Amino acid sequence: MEDCIFCKIANGEIPSKLVYEDEAVAAFYDLTPQAPIHVLIVPKRHYADILEAEESGAPLNQMARAAKTIARQLGLEENGFRLVINTGADGGQTVPHLHMHMMGGRAFGWPAG
């Protein structure tokens, strides 16, 4: 998508602090972190949200594989982390590009907090 900020970041058109990149996924630090470690994991191909993602689950599998690598890289394996995918306005999605929030570095309660 031409005007999508996450497409531009994932494809290197807008600079960001990349944490991870492969042929299908890019991951970078969130500009408004909600935890000491807050990384956004996005597919390079544009999907508006999880409802638009391929039936095969490929984008989600690629994002999950990246999350595993990033967790190791950032030292989140021992104490854990949270993965969140927001969908739509009521779900809190503010950028219409499928993305996963990886948050760690502190304890999270349930419900979110």
Protein backbone atom coordinates (compact mmCIF):
# COMPACT_ATOMS: atom_id res chain seq x y z
CA MET A 1 0.00 0.00 0.00
CA GLU A 2 1.45 3.30 -1.13
CA ASP A 3 0.74 5.52 1.89
CA CYS A 4 1.13 2.93 4.69
CA ILE A 5 3.74 4.00 7.24
CA PHE A 6 4.51 0.41 8.26
CA CYS A 7 5.01 -0.62 4.63
CA LYS A 8 7.46 2.26 4.24
CA ILE A 9 9.34 1.32 7.41
CA ALA A 10 9.40 -2.40 6.54
CA ASN A 11 10.75 -1.65 3.07
CA GLY A 12 13.41 0.82 4.26
CA GLU A 13 11.80 3.99 2.89
CA ILE A 14 11.50 5.47 6.40
CA PRO A 15 14.39 5.00 8.82
CA SER A 16 13.76 3.07 12.01
CA LYS A 17 15.68 1.22 14.67
CA LEU A 18 15.39 -2.28 13.22
CA VAL A 19 15.60 -5.16 15.65
CA TYR A 20 15.05 -7.94 13.11
CA GLU A 21 14.58 -8.34 9.38
CA ASP A 22 14.20 -11.21 6.95
CA GLU A 23 12.58 -11.60 3.53
CA ALA A 24 9.02 -11.54 4.93
CA VAL A 25 9.11 -9.61 8.22
CA ALA A 26 10.60 -6.48 9.75
CA ALA A 27 10.67 -5.61 13.46
CA PHE A 28 11.46 -2.26 14.99
CA TYR A 29 11.09 -0.40 18.28
CA ASP A 30 7.71 1.26 18.96
CA LEU A 31 7.92 5.06 19.09
CA THR A 32 5.52 5.17 22.06
CA PRO A 33 6.59 2.16 24.13
CA GLN A 34 4.21 0.68 26.68
CA ALA A 35 6.95 -1.43 28.31
CA PRO A 36 10.74 -1.22 28.73
CA ILE A 37 11.02 -3.37 25.59
CA HIS A 38 8.31 -2.74 22.99
CA VAL A 39 8.93 -4.00 19.46
CA LEU A 40 6.53 -4.02 16.52
CA ILE A 41 6.70 -7.05 14.24
CA VAL A 42 5.19 -6.45 10.78
CA PRO A 43 4.91 -8.47 7.59
CA LYS A 44 6.54 -6.71 4.65
CA ARG A 45 3.50 -7.51 2.52
CA HIS A 46 0.56 -5.27 3.35
CA TYR A 47 -2.43 -6.74 5.17
CA ALA A 48 -4.80 -4.27 6.81
CA ASP A 49 -5.35 -6.55 9.79
CA ILE A 50 -5.48 -10.19 10.88
CA LEU A 51 -8.83 -10.61 9.11
CA GLU A 52 -7.16 -9.77 5.80
CA ALA A 53 -4.16 -12.07 6.32
CA GLU A 54 -3.82 -15.17 4.18
CA GLU A 55 -5.94 -18.19 5.09
CA SER A 56 -2.73 -20.24 5.07
CA GLY A 57 -1.54 -18.40 8.17
CA ALA A 58 1.82 -17.67 6.54
CA PRO A 59 2.12 -14.06 7.80
CA LEU A 60 1.32 -15.11 11.36
CA ASN A 61 3.77 -18.00 11.20
CA GLN A 62 6.48 -15.68 9.89
CA MET A 63 5.74 -13.12 12.63
CA ALA A 64 5.80 -15.83 15.33
CA ARG A 65 9.11 -17.18 14.05
CA ALA A 66 10.53 -13.65 14.17
CA ALA A 67 9.18 -13.19 17.73
CA LYS A 68 11.05 -16.28 18.86
CA THR A 69 14.33 -14.97 17.42
CA ILE A 70 13.77 -11.47 18.82
CA ALA A 71 12.97 -12.84 22.30
CA ARG A 72 16.32 -14.64 22.33
CA GLN A 73 18.14 -11.62 20.92
CA LEU A 74 16.69 -9.23 23.54
CA GLY A 75 17.01 -11.62 26.48
CA LEU A 76 13.28 -12.05 27.05
CA GLU A 77 13.30 -15.86 27.27
CA GLU A 78 13.89 -16.17 31.01
CA ASN A 79 11.10 -13.95 32.35
CA GLY A 80 8.77 -13.94 29.35
CA PHE A 81 7.01 -11.36 27.26
CA ARG A 82 3.61 -10.43 25.87
CA LEU A 83 2.52 -10.65 22.22
CA VAL A 84 -0.56 -8.65 21.15
CA ILE A 85 -2.33 -8.21 17.82
CA ASN A 86 -4.93 -5.43 17.86
CA THR A 87 -7.65 -5.52 15.20
CA GLY A 88 -9.94 -2.64 14.26
CA ALA A 89 -10.80 0.56 16.11
CA ASP A 90 -12.46 -1.16 19.07
CA GLY A 91 -9.47 -3.50 19.34
CA GLY A 92 -7.08 -0.56 19.60
CA GLN A 93 -5.49 -0.84 16.14
CA THR A 94 -4.18 2.60 15.20
CA VAL A 95 -2.18 1.73 12.06
CA PRO A 96 -4.08 -0.26 9.40
CA HIS A 97 -1.26 -2.74 8.74
CA LEU A 98 -1.16 -6.12 10.48
CA HIS A 99 1.38 -5.94 13.30
CA MET A 100 2.29 -7.72 16.50
CA HIS A 101 3.38 -5.90 19.64
CA MET A 102 6.13 -7.69 21.57
CA MET A 103 6.44 -6.24 25.06
CA GLY A 104 8.77 -7.29 27.85
CA GLY A 105 11.12 -6.15 30.52
CA ARG A 106 8.42 -5.95 33.19
CA ALA A 107 5.65 -8.05 34.68
CA PHE A 108 2.20 -7.78 33.14
CA GLY A 109 -1.00 -8.42 35.07
CA TRP A 110 -4.28 -9.72 33.74
CA PRO A 111 -6.32 -8.04 32.50
CA ALA A 112 -3.81 -5.85 30.70
CA GLY A 113 -1.90 -3.68 33.05
